[in-house]
Amino acid sequence: MAKYIGSAANFASAAPTVTNNIFTTDANFVFTQGSAAAQWVVDHNLAKKCSVTVVDSAGTVIIGQVTYNSDNRVTLDFEAAFSGKAFFN
């Protein structure tokens, strides 16, 4: 059974943290974009090209363009500005 590392309903949480998956020891990262923006630049420091899932402040999954600038930085581009979270694995 998967263990969730964040909840889309909890957007007032503290700074994002890197967590380890209890089954694979693979690191995860949750980024919170507090102000609406159409482009998010995220330094996740996981040393890999991560899979990314983005949700808006209502918890709806949003599809955008993912650009891997390096193994530690990603640029996410969207058609409209919004706030939300990005889950990196």
PDB file of N, CA and C in Angstrom:
ATOM      1  N   MET A   1       0.841  -1.166   0.000  1.00  0.00           N
ATOM      2  CA  MET A   1       0.000   0.000   0.000  1.00  0.00           C
ATOM      3  C   MET A   1       0.887   1.230   0.000  1.00  0.00           C
ATOM      4  N   ALA A   2       0.559   2.211  -0.821  1.00  0.00           N
ATOM      5  CA  ALA A   2       1.333   3.443  -0.929  1.00  0.00           C
ATOM      6  C   ALA A   2       1.077   4.348   0.265  1.00  0.00           C
ATOM      7  N   LYS A   3       2.096   5.089   0.631  1.00  0.00           N
ATOM      8  CA  LYS A   3       1.964   6.065   1.709  1.00  0.00           C
ATOM      9  C   LYS A   3       2.042   7.448   1.087  1.00  0.00           C
ATOM     10  N   TYR A   4       0.999   8.258   1.240  1.00  0.00           N
ATOM     11  CA  TYR A   4       0.986   9.597   0.685  1.00  0.00           C
ATOM     12  C   TYR A   4       1.875  10.511   1.504  1.00  0.00           C
ATOM     13  N   ILE A   5       2.591  11.405   0.831  1.00  0.00           N
ATOM     14  CA  ILE A   5       3.505  12.298   1.518  1.00  0.00           C
ATOM     15  C   ILE A   5       2.924  13.689   1.697  1.00  0.00           C
ATOM     16  N   GLY A   6       1.741  13.933   1.183  1.00  0.00           N
ATOM     17  CA  GLY A   6       1.125  15.241   1.330  1.00  0.00           C
ATOM     18  C   GLY A   6      -0.347  15.161   1.046  1.00  0.00           C
ATOM     19  N   SER A   7      -1.058  16.168   1.438  1.00  0.00           N
ATOM     20  CA  SER A   7      -2.488  16.236   1.189  1.00  0.00           C
ATOM     21  C   SER A   7      -2.801  17.513   0.440  1.00  0.00           C
ATOM     22  N   ALA A   8      -3.534  17.429  -0.648  1.00  0.00           N
ATOM     23  CA  ALA A   8      -3.900  18.605  -1.424  1.00  0.00           C
ATOM     24  C   ALA A   8      -4.772  19.546  -0.608  1.00  0.00           C
ATOM     25  N   ALA A   9      -5.401  19.048   0.431  1.00  0.00           N
ATOM     26  CA  ALA A   9      -6.274  19.877   1.253  1.00  0.00           C
ATOM     27  C   ALA A   9      -5.496  20.730   2.249  1.00  0.00           C
ATOM     28  N   ASN A  10      -4.202  20.462   2.429  1.00  0.00           N
ATOM     29  CA  ASN A  10      -3.418  21.172   3.437  1.00  0.00           C
ATOM     30  C   ASN A  10      -2.391  22.081   2.773  1.00  0.00           C
ATOM     31  N   PHE A  11      -2.818  23.280   2.326  1.00  0.00           N
ATOM     32  CA  PHE A  11      -1.932  24.192   1.623  1.00  0.00           C
ATOM     33  C   PHE A  11      -1.299  25.214   2.538  1.00  0.00           C
ATOM     34  N   ALA A  12      -1.625  25.205   3.821  1.00  0.00           N
ATOM     35  CA  ALA A  12      -1.061  26.168   4.761  1.00  0.00           C
ATOM     36  C   ALA A  12       0.117  25.570   5.518  1.00  0.00           C
ATOM     37  N   SER A  13       0.658  24.474   5.022  1.00  0.00           N
ATOM     38  CA  SER A  13       1.729  23.788   5.739  1.00  0.00           C
ATOM     39  C   SER A  13       3.029  24.580   5.689  1.00  0.00           C
ATOM     40  N   ALA A  14       3.977  24.154   6.484  1.00  0.00           N
ATOM     41  CA  ALA A  14       5.283  24.806   6.566  1.00  0.00           C
ATOM     42  C   ALA A  14       6.081  24.541   5.292  1.00  0.00           C
ATOM     43  N   ALA A  15       7.336  24.923   5.312  1.00  0.00           N
ATOM     44  CA  ALA A  15       8.211  24.763   4.152  1.00  0.00           C
ATOM     45  C   ALA A  15       8.261  23.308   3.705  1.00  0.00           C
ATOM     46  N   PRO A  16       8.404  23.070   2.379  1.00  0.00           N
ATOM     47  CA  PRO A  16       8.469  21.699   1.869  1.00  0.00           C
ATOM     48  C   PRO A  16       9.674  20.957   2.425  1.00  0.00           C
ATOM     49  N   THR A  17       9.537  19.655   2.540  1.00  0.00           N
ATOM     50  CA  THR A  17      10.627  18.833   3.030  1.00  0.00           C
ATOM     51  C   THR A  17      10.831  17.640   2.117  1.00  0.00           C
ATOM     52  N   VAL A  18      12.028  17.132   2.100  1.00  0.00           N
ATOM     53  CA  VAL A  18      12.338  15.910   1.362  1.00  0.00           C
ATOM     54  C   VAL A  18      12.052  14.744   2.292  1.00  0.00           C
ATOM     55  N   THR A  19      11.300  13.761   1.811  1.00  0.00           N
ATOM     56  CA  THR A  19      10.991  12.579   2.606  1.00  0.00           C
ATOM     57  C   THR A  19      11.456  11.342   1.861  1.00  0.00           C
ATOM     58  N   ASN A  20      11.633  10.260   2.554  1.00  0.00           N
ATOM     59  CA  ASN A  20      12.028   8.999   1.943  1.00  0.00           C
ATOM     60  C   ASN A  20      10.848   8.043   1.913  1.00  0.00           C
ATOM     61  N   ASN A  21      10.653   7.391   0.776  1.00  0.00           N
ATOM     62  CA  ASN A  21       9.625   6.386   0.633  1.00  0.00           C
ATOM     63  C   ASN A  21       9.994   5.214   1.529  1.00  0.00           C
ATOM     64  N   ILE A  22       9.072   4.781   2.382  1.00  0.00           N
ATOM     65  CA  ILE A  22       9.383   3.726   3.349  1.00  0.00           C
ATOM     66  C   ILE A  22       9.584   2.356   2.698  1.00  0.00           C
ATOM     67  N   PHE A  23       9.167   2.207   1.435  1.00  0.00           N
ATOM     68  CA  PHE A  23       9.294   0.915   0.772  1.00  0.00           C
ATOM     69  C   PHE A  23      10.532   0.822  -0.105  1.00  0.00           C
ATOM     70  N   THR A  24      10.948   1.932  -0.686  1.00  0.00           N
ATOM     71  CA  THR A  24      12.065   1.896  -1.627  1.00  0.00           C
ATOM     72  C   THR A  24      13.241   2.759  -1.203  1.00  0.00           C
ATOM     73  N   THR A  25      13.113   3.535  -0.169  1.00  0.00           N
ATOM     74  CA  THR A  25      14.073   4.533   0.296  1.00  0.00           C
ATOM     75  C   THR A  25      14.322   5.612  -0.749  1.00  0.00           C
ATOM     76  N   ASP A  26      13.462   5.708  -1.742  1.00  0.00           N
ATOM     77  CA  ASP A  26      13.565   6.740  -2.762  1.00  0.00           C
ATOM     78  C   ASP A  26      13.049   8.056  -2.189  1.00  0.00           C
ATOM     79  N   ALA A  27      13.769   9.140  -2.418  1.00  0.00           N
ATOM     80  CA  ALA A  27      13.389  10.438  -1.869  1.00  0.00           C
ATOM     81  C   ALA A  27      12.251  11.065  -2.668  1.00  0.00           C
ATOM     82  N   ASN A  28      11.437  11.845  -1.972  1.00  0.00           N
ATOM     83  CA  ASN A  28      10.333  12.588  -2.562  1.00  0.00           C
ATOM     84  C   ASN A  28      10.448  14.034  -2.118  1.00  0.00           C
ATOM     85  N   PHE A  29       9.771  14.940  -2.842  1.00  0.00           N
ATOM     86  CA  PHE A  29       9.802  16.354  -2.485  1.00  0.00           C
ATOM     87  C   PHE A  29       8.448  16.962  -2.812  1.00  0.00           C
ATOM     88  N   VAL A  30       7.943  17.806  -1.928  1.00  0.00           N
ATOM     89  CA  VAL A  30       6.687  18.517  -2.161  1.00  0.00           C
ATOM     90  C   VAL A  30       6.988  20.008  -2.182  1.00  0.00           C
ATOM     91  N   PHE A  31       6.630  20.668  -3.282  1.00  0.00           N
ATOM     92  CA  PHE A  31       6.836  22.104  -3.454  1.00  0.00           C
ATOM     93  C   PHE A  31       5.493  22.812  -3.388  1.00  0.00           C
ATOM     94  N   THR A  32       5.410  23.883  -2.621  1.00  0.00           N
ATOM     95  CA  THR A  32       4.186  24.680  -2.531  1.00  0.00           C
ATOM     96  C   THR A  32       4.394  26.012  -3.230  1.00  0.00           C
ATOM     97  N   GLN A  33       3.547  26.302  -4.220  1.00  0.00           N
ATOM     98  CA  GLN A  33       3.544  27.590  -4.915  1.00  0.00           C
ATOM     99  C   GLN A  33       2.422  28.406  -4.296  1.00  0.00           C
ATOM    100  N   GLY A  34       2.768  29.338  -3.398  1.00  0.00           N
ATOM    101  CA  GLY A  34       1.769  30.082  -2.640  1.00  0.00           C
ATOM    102  C   GLY A  34       1.069  31.183  -3.408  1.00  0.00           C
ATOM    103  N   SER A  35       1.767  31.814  -4.343  1.00  0.00           N
ATOM    104  CA  SER A  35       1.147  32.882  -5.136  1.00  0.00           C
ATOM    105  C   SER A  35       0.916  32.379  -6.556  1.00  0.00           C
ATOM    106  N   ALA A  36      -0.142  32.854  -7.182  1.00  0.00           N
ATOM    107  CA  ALA A  36      -0.494  32.401  -8.536  1.00  0.00           C
ATOM    108  C   ALA A  36       0.614  32.758  -9.520  1.00  0.00           C
ATOM    109  N   ALA A  37       1.024  31.785 -10.327  1.00  0.00           N
ATOM    110  CA  ALA A  37       2.039  31.993 -11.352  1.00  0.00           C
ATOM    111  C   ALA A  37       1.825  30.989 -12.467  1.00  0.00           C
ATOM    112  N   ALA A  38       2.145  31.377 -13.698  1.00  0.00           N
ATOM    113  CA  ALA A  38       2.025  30.481 -14.849  1.00  0.00           C
ATOM    114  C   ALA A  38       3.317  29.696 -15.069  1.00  0.00           C
ATOM    115  N   GLN A  39       4.393  30.108 -14.417  1.00  0.00           N
ATOM    116  CA  GLN A  39       5.657  29.376 -14.493  1.00  0.00           C
ATOM    117  C   GLN A  39       6.209  29.203 -13.083  1.00  0.00           C
ATOM    118  N   TRP A  40       6.556  27.964 -12.764  1.00  0.00           N
ATOM    119  CA  TRP A  40       7.164  27.642 -11.475  1.00  0.00           C
ATOM    120  C   TRP A  40       8.559  27.095 -11.755  1.00  0.00           C
ATOM    121  N   VAL A  41       9.563  27.624 -11.078  1.00  0.00           N
ATOM    122  CA  VAL A  41      10.915  27.095 -11.161  1.00  0.00           C
ATOM    123  C   VAL A  41      11.218  26.470  -9.804  1.00  0.00           C
ATOM    124  N   VAL A  42      11.512  25.176  -9.815  1.00  0.00           N
ATOM    125  CA  VAL A  42      11.635  24.424  -8.562  1.00  0.00           C
ATOM    126  C   VAL A  42      13.003  23.762  -8.464  1.00  0.00           C
ATOM    127  N   ASP A  43      13.701  24.027  -7.367  1.00  0.00           N
ATOM    128  CA  ASP A  43      14.931  23.313  -7.030  1.00  0.00           C
ATOM    129  C   ASP A  43      14.555  22.218  -6.030  1.00  0.00           C
ATOM    130  N   HIS A  44      14.519  20.971  -6.491  1.00  0.00           N
ATOM    131  CA  HIS A  44      14.086  19.872  -5.620  1.00  0.00           C
ATOM    132  C   HIS A  44      15.265  19.143  -4.968  1.00  0.00           C
ATOM    133  N   ASN A  45      16.457  19.253  -5.526  1.00  0.00           N
ATOM    134  CA  ASN A  45      17.685  18.670  -4.969  1.00  0.00           C
ATOM    135  C   ASN A  45      17.597  17.168  -4.721  1.00  0.00           C
ATOM    136  N   LEU A  46      16.920  16.456  -5.617  1.00  0.00           N
ATOM    137  CA  LEU A  46      16.820  15.001  -5.509  1.00  0.00           C
ATOM    138  C   LEU A  46      17.836  14.273  -6.390  1.00  0.00           C
ATOM    139  N   ALA A  47      18.616  15.031  -7.152  1.00  0.00           N
ATOM    140  CA  ALA A  47      19.686  14.480  -7.999  1.00  0.00           C
ATOM    141  C   ALA A  47      19.174  13.454  -9.012  1.00  0.00           C
ATOM    142  N   LYS A  48      18.016  13.740  -9.606  1.00  0.00           N
ATOM    143  CA  LYS A  48      17.460  12.865 -10.650  1.00  0.00           C
ATOM    144  C   LYS A  48      16.384  13.621 -11.412  1.00  0.00           C
ATOM    145  N   LYS A  49      15.994  13.092 -12.549  1.00  0.00           N
ATOM    146  CA  LYS A  49      14.881  13.643 -13.323  1.00  0.00           C
ATOM    147  C   LYS A  49      13.604  12.981 -12.807  1.00  0.00           C
ATOM    148  N   CYS A  50      12.886  13.712 -11.977  1.00  0.00           N
ATOM    149  CA  CYS A  50      11.725  13.183 -11.249  1.00  0.00           C
ATOM    150  C   CYS A  50      10.457  13.135 -12.096  1.00  0.00           C
ATOM    151  N   SER A  51       9.556  12.269 -11.685  1.00  0.00           N
ATOM    152  CA  SER A  51       8.186  12.386 -12.164  1.00  0.00           C
ATOM    153  C   SER A  51       7.551  13.512 -11.353  1.00  0.00           C
ATOM    154  N   VAL A  52       6.625  14.244 -11.965  1.00  0.00           N
ATOM    155  CA  VAL A  52       6.025  15.398 -11.308  1.00  0.00           C
ATOM    156  C   VAL A  52       4.511  15.330 -11.451  1.00  0.00           C
ATOM    157  N   THR A  53       3.800  15.522 -10.352  1.00  0.00           N
ATOM    158  CA  THR A  53       2.349  15.655 -10.361  1.00  0.00           C
ATOM    159  C   THR A  53       2.019  17.000  -9.736  1.00  0.00           C
ATOM    160  N   VAL A  54       1.196  17.794 -10.416  1.00  0.00           N
ATOM    161  CA  VAL A  54       0.847  19.137  -9.950  1.00  0.00           C
ATOM    162  C   VAL A  54      -0.642  19.193  -9.665  1.00  0.00           C
ATOM    163  N   VAL A  55      -0.997  19.810  -8.530  1.00  0.00           N
ATOM    164  CA  VAL A  55      -2.401  20.044  -8.188  1.00  0.00           C
ATOM    165  C   VAL A  55      -2.587  21.517  -7.863  1.00  0.00           C
ATOM    166  N   ASP A  56      -3.771  22.040  -8.181  1.00  0.00           N
ATOM    167  CA  ASP A  56      -4.070  23.421  -7.813  1.00  0.00           C
ATOM    168  C   ASP A  56      -4.567  23.471  -6.372  1.00  0.00           C
ATOM    169  N   SER A  57      -4.919  24.657  -5.895  1.00  0.00           N
ATOM    170  CA  SER A  57      -5.308  24.811  -4.495  1.00  0.00           C
ATOM    171  C   SER A  57      -6.615  24.100  -4.164  1.00  0.00           C
ATOM    172  N   ALA A  58      -7.377  23.693  -5.180  1.00  0.00           N
ATOM    173  CA  ALA A  58      -8.601  22.922  -4.957  1.00  0.00           C
ATOM    174  C   ALA A  58      -8.344  21.419  -5.004  1.00  0.00           C
ATOM    175  N   GLY A  59      -7.090  21.023  -5.302  1.00  0.00           N
ATOM    176  CA  GLY A  59      -6.752  19.606  -5.355  1.00  0.00           C
ATOM    177  C   GLY A  59      -6.924  18.970  -6.717  1.00  0.00           C
ATOM    178  N   THR A  60      -7.189  19.769  -7.758  1.00  0.00           N
ATOM    179  CA  THR A  60      -7.359  19.262  -9.119  1.00  0.00           C
ATOM    180  C   THR A  60      -5.997  19.087  -9.777  1.00  0.00           C
ATOM    181  N   VAL A  61      -5.771  17.931 -10.402  1.00  0.00           N
ATOM    182  CA  VAL A  61      -4.508  17.693 -11.104  1.00  0.00           C
ATOM    183  C   VAL A  61      -4.451  18.598 -12.329  1.00  0.00           C
ATOM    184  N   ILE A  62      -3.321  19.280 -12.496  1.00  0.00           N
ATOM    185  CA  ILE A  62      -3.115  20.223 -13.597  1.00  0.00           C
ATOM    186  C   ILE A  62      -2.011  19.686 -14.495  1.00  0.00           C
ATOM    187  N   ILE A  63      -2.243  19.736 -15.812  1.00  0.00           N
ATOM    188  CA  ILE A  63      -1.262  19.286 -16.794  1.00  0.00           C
ATOM    189  C   ILE A  63      -0.502  20.503 -17.311  1.00  0.00           C
ATOM    190  N   GLY A  64       0.811  20.392 -17.360  1.00  0.00           N
ATOM    191  CA  GLY A  64       1.649  21.473 -17.868  1.00  0.00           C
ATOM    192  C   GLY A  64       2.882  20.914 -18.539  1.00  0.00           C
ATOM    193  N   GLN A  65       3.749  21.810 -18.954  1.00  0.00           N
ATOM    194  CA  GLN A  65       5.009  21.438 -19.598  1.00  0.00           C
ATOM    195  C   GLN A  65       6.096  21.329 -18.539  1.00  0.00           C
ATOM    196  N   VAL A  66       6.797  20.205 -18.514  1.00  0.00           N
ATOM    197  CA  VAL A  66       7.897  19.999 -17.570  1.00  0.00           C
ATOM    198  C   VAL A  66       9.208  20.092 -18.339  1.00  0.00           C
ATOM    199  N   THR A  67      10.078  21.011 -17.910  1.00  0.00           N
ATOM    200  CA  THR A  67      11.400  21.145 -18.507  1.00  0.00           C
ATOM    201  C   THR A  67      12.432  20.824 -17.434  1.00  0.00           C
ATOM    202  N   TYR A  68      13.268  19.826 -17.699  1.00  0.00           N
ATOM    203  CA  TYR A  68      14.319  19.438 -16.764  1.00  0.00           C
ATOM    204  C   TYR A  68      15.551  20.292 -17.045  1.00  0.00           C
ATOM    205  N   ASN A  69      15.777  21.324 -16.240  1.00  0.00           N
ATOM    206  CA  ASN A  69      16.931  22.196 -16.410  1.00  0.00           C
ATOM    207  C   ASN A  69      18.216  21.491 -15.981  1.00  0.00           C
ATOM    208  N   SER A  70      18.106  20.624 -14.977  1.00  0.00           N
ATOM    209  CA  SER A  70      19.221  19.812 -14.487  1.00  0.00           C
ATOM    210  C   SER A  70      18.613  18.673 -13.679  1.00  0.00           C
ATOM    211  N   ASP A  71      19.458  17.863 -13.061  1.00  0.00           N
ATOM    212  CA  ASP A  71      18.944  16.785 -12.212  1.00  0.00           C
ATOM    213  C   ASP A  71      18.363  17.316 -10.904  1.00  0.00           C
ATOM    214  N   ASN A  72      18.536  18.609 -10.630  1.00  0.00           N
ATOM    215  CA  ASN A  72      18.038  19.203  -9.389  1.00  0.00           C
ATOM    216  C   ASN A  72      17.056  20.355  -9.584  1.00  0.00           C
ATOM    217  N   ARG A  73      16.846  20.790 -10.827  1.00  0.00           N
ATOM    218  CA  ARG A  73      15.954  21.928 -11.095  1.00  0.00           C
ATOM    219  C   ARG A  73      14.991  21.602 -12.230  1.00  0.00           C
ATOM    220  N   VAL A  74      13.729  22.002 -12.029  1.00  0.00           N
ATOM    221  CA  VAL A  74      12.670  21.797 -13.014  1.00  0.00           C
ATOM    222  C   VAL A  74      11.928  23.110 -13.215  1.00  0.00           C
ATOM    223  N   THR A  75      11.560  23.397 -14.458  1.00  0.00           N
ATOM    224  CA  THR A  75      10.676  24.524 -14.752  1.00  0.00           C
ATOM    225  C   THR A  75       9.344  23.953 -15.209  1.00  0.00           C
ATOM    226  N   LEU A  76       8.262  24.395 -14.566  1.00  0.00           N
ATOM    227  CA  LEU A  76       6.910  23.957 -14.905  1.00  0.00           C
ATOM    228  C   LEU A  76       6.171  25.124 -15.519  1.00  0.00           C
ATOM    229  N   ASP A  77       5.652  24.947 -16.745  1.00  0.00           N
ATOM    230  CA  ASP A  77       4.919  26.004 -17.447  1.00  0.00           C
ATOM    231  C   ASP A  77       3.472  25.587 -17.642  1.00  0.00           C
ATOM    232  N   PHE A  78       2.555  26.520 -17.396  1.00  0.00           N
ATOM    233  CA  PHE A  78       1.120  26.265 -17.489  1.00  0.00           C
ATOM    234  C   PHE A  78       0.451  27.327 -18.348  1.00  0.00           C
ATOM    235  N   GLU A  79      -0.752  27.037 -18.823  1.00  0.00           N
ATOM    236  CA  GLU A  79      -1.491  27.977 -19.662  1.00  0.00           C
ATOM    237  C   GLU A  79      -2.044  29.157 -18.879  1.00  0.00           C
ATOM    238  N   ALA A  80      -2.247  28.995 -17.586  1.00  0.00           N
ATOM    239  CA  ALA A  80      -2.791  30.065 -16.752  1.00  0.00           C
ATOM    240  C   ALA A  80      -2.081  30.063 -15.401  1.00  0.00           C
ATOM    241  N   ALA A  81      -2.112  31.190 -14.741  1.00  0.00           N
ATOM    242  CA  ALA A  81      -1.500  31.310 -13.421  1.00  0.00           C
ATOM    243  C   ALA A  81      -2.412  30.717 -12.352  1.00  0.00           C
ATOM    244  N   PHE A  82      -1.823  30.007 -11.396  1.00  0.00           N
ATOM    245  CA  PHE A  82      -2.562  29.449 -10.263  1.00  0.00           C
ATOM    246  C   PHE A  82      -1.571  29.111  -9.162  1.00  0.00           C
ATOM    247  N   SER A  83      -2.075  28.877  -7.971  1.00  0.00           N
ATOM    248  CA  SER A  83      -1.238  28.410  -6.859  1.00  0.00           C
ATOM    249  C   SER A  83      -1.568  26.949  -6.602  1.00  0.00           C
ATOM    250  N   GLY A  84      -0.650  26.240  -5.979  1.00  0.00           N
ATOM    251  CA  GLY A  84      -0.893  24.826  -5.694  1.00  0.00           C
ATOM    252  C   GLY A  84       0.364  24.141  -5.228  1.00  0.00           C
ATOM    253  N   LYS A  85       0.448  22.844  -5.487  1.00  0.00           N
ATOM    254  CA  LYS A  85       1.592  22.036  -5.061  1.00  0.00           C
ATOM    255  C   LYS A  85       2.094  21.170  -6.214  1.00  0.00           C
ATOM    256  N   ALA A  86       3.397  20.889  -6.159  1.00  0.00           N
ATOM    257  CA  ALA A  86       4.011  19.960  -7.099  1.00  0.00           C
ATOM    258  C   ALA A  86       4.657  18.844  -6.272  1.00  0.00           C
ATOM    259  N   PHE A  87       4.340  17.621  -6.622  1.00  0.00           N
ATOM    260  CA  PHE A  87       4.861  16.440  -5.932  1.00  0.00           C
ATOM    261  C   PHE A  87       5.917  15.789  -6.827  1.00  0.00           C
ATOM    262  N   PHE A  88       7.136  15.690  -6.323  1.00  0.00           N
ATOM    263  CA  PHE A  88       8.252  15.124  -7.079  1.00  0.00           C
ATOM    264  C   PHE A  88       8.620  13.759  -6.514  1.00  0.00           C
ATOM    265  N   ASN A  89       8.834  12.798  -7.419  1.00  0.00           N
ATOM    266  CA  ASN A  89       9.196  11.459  -6.990  1.00  0.00           C
ATOM    267  C   ASN A  89      10.327  10.937  -7.874  1.00  0.00           C
TER     268      ASN A  89
END
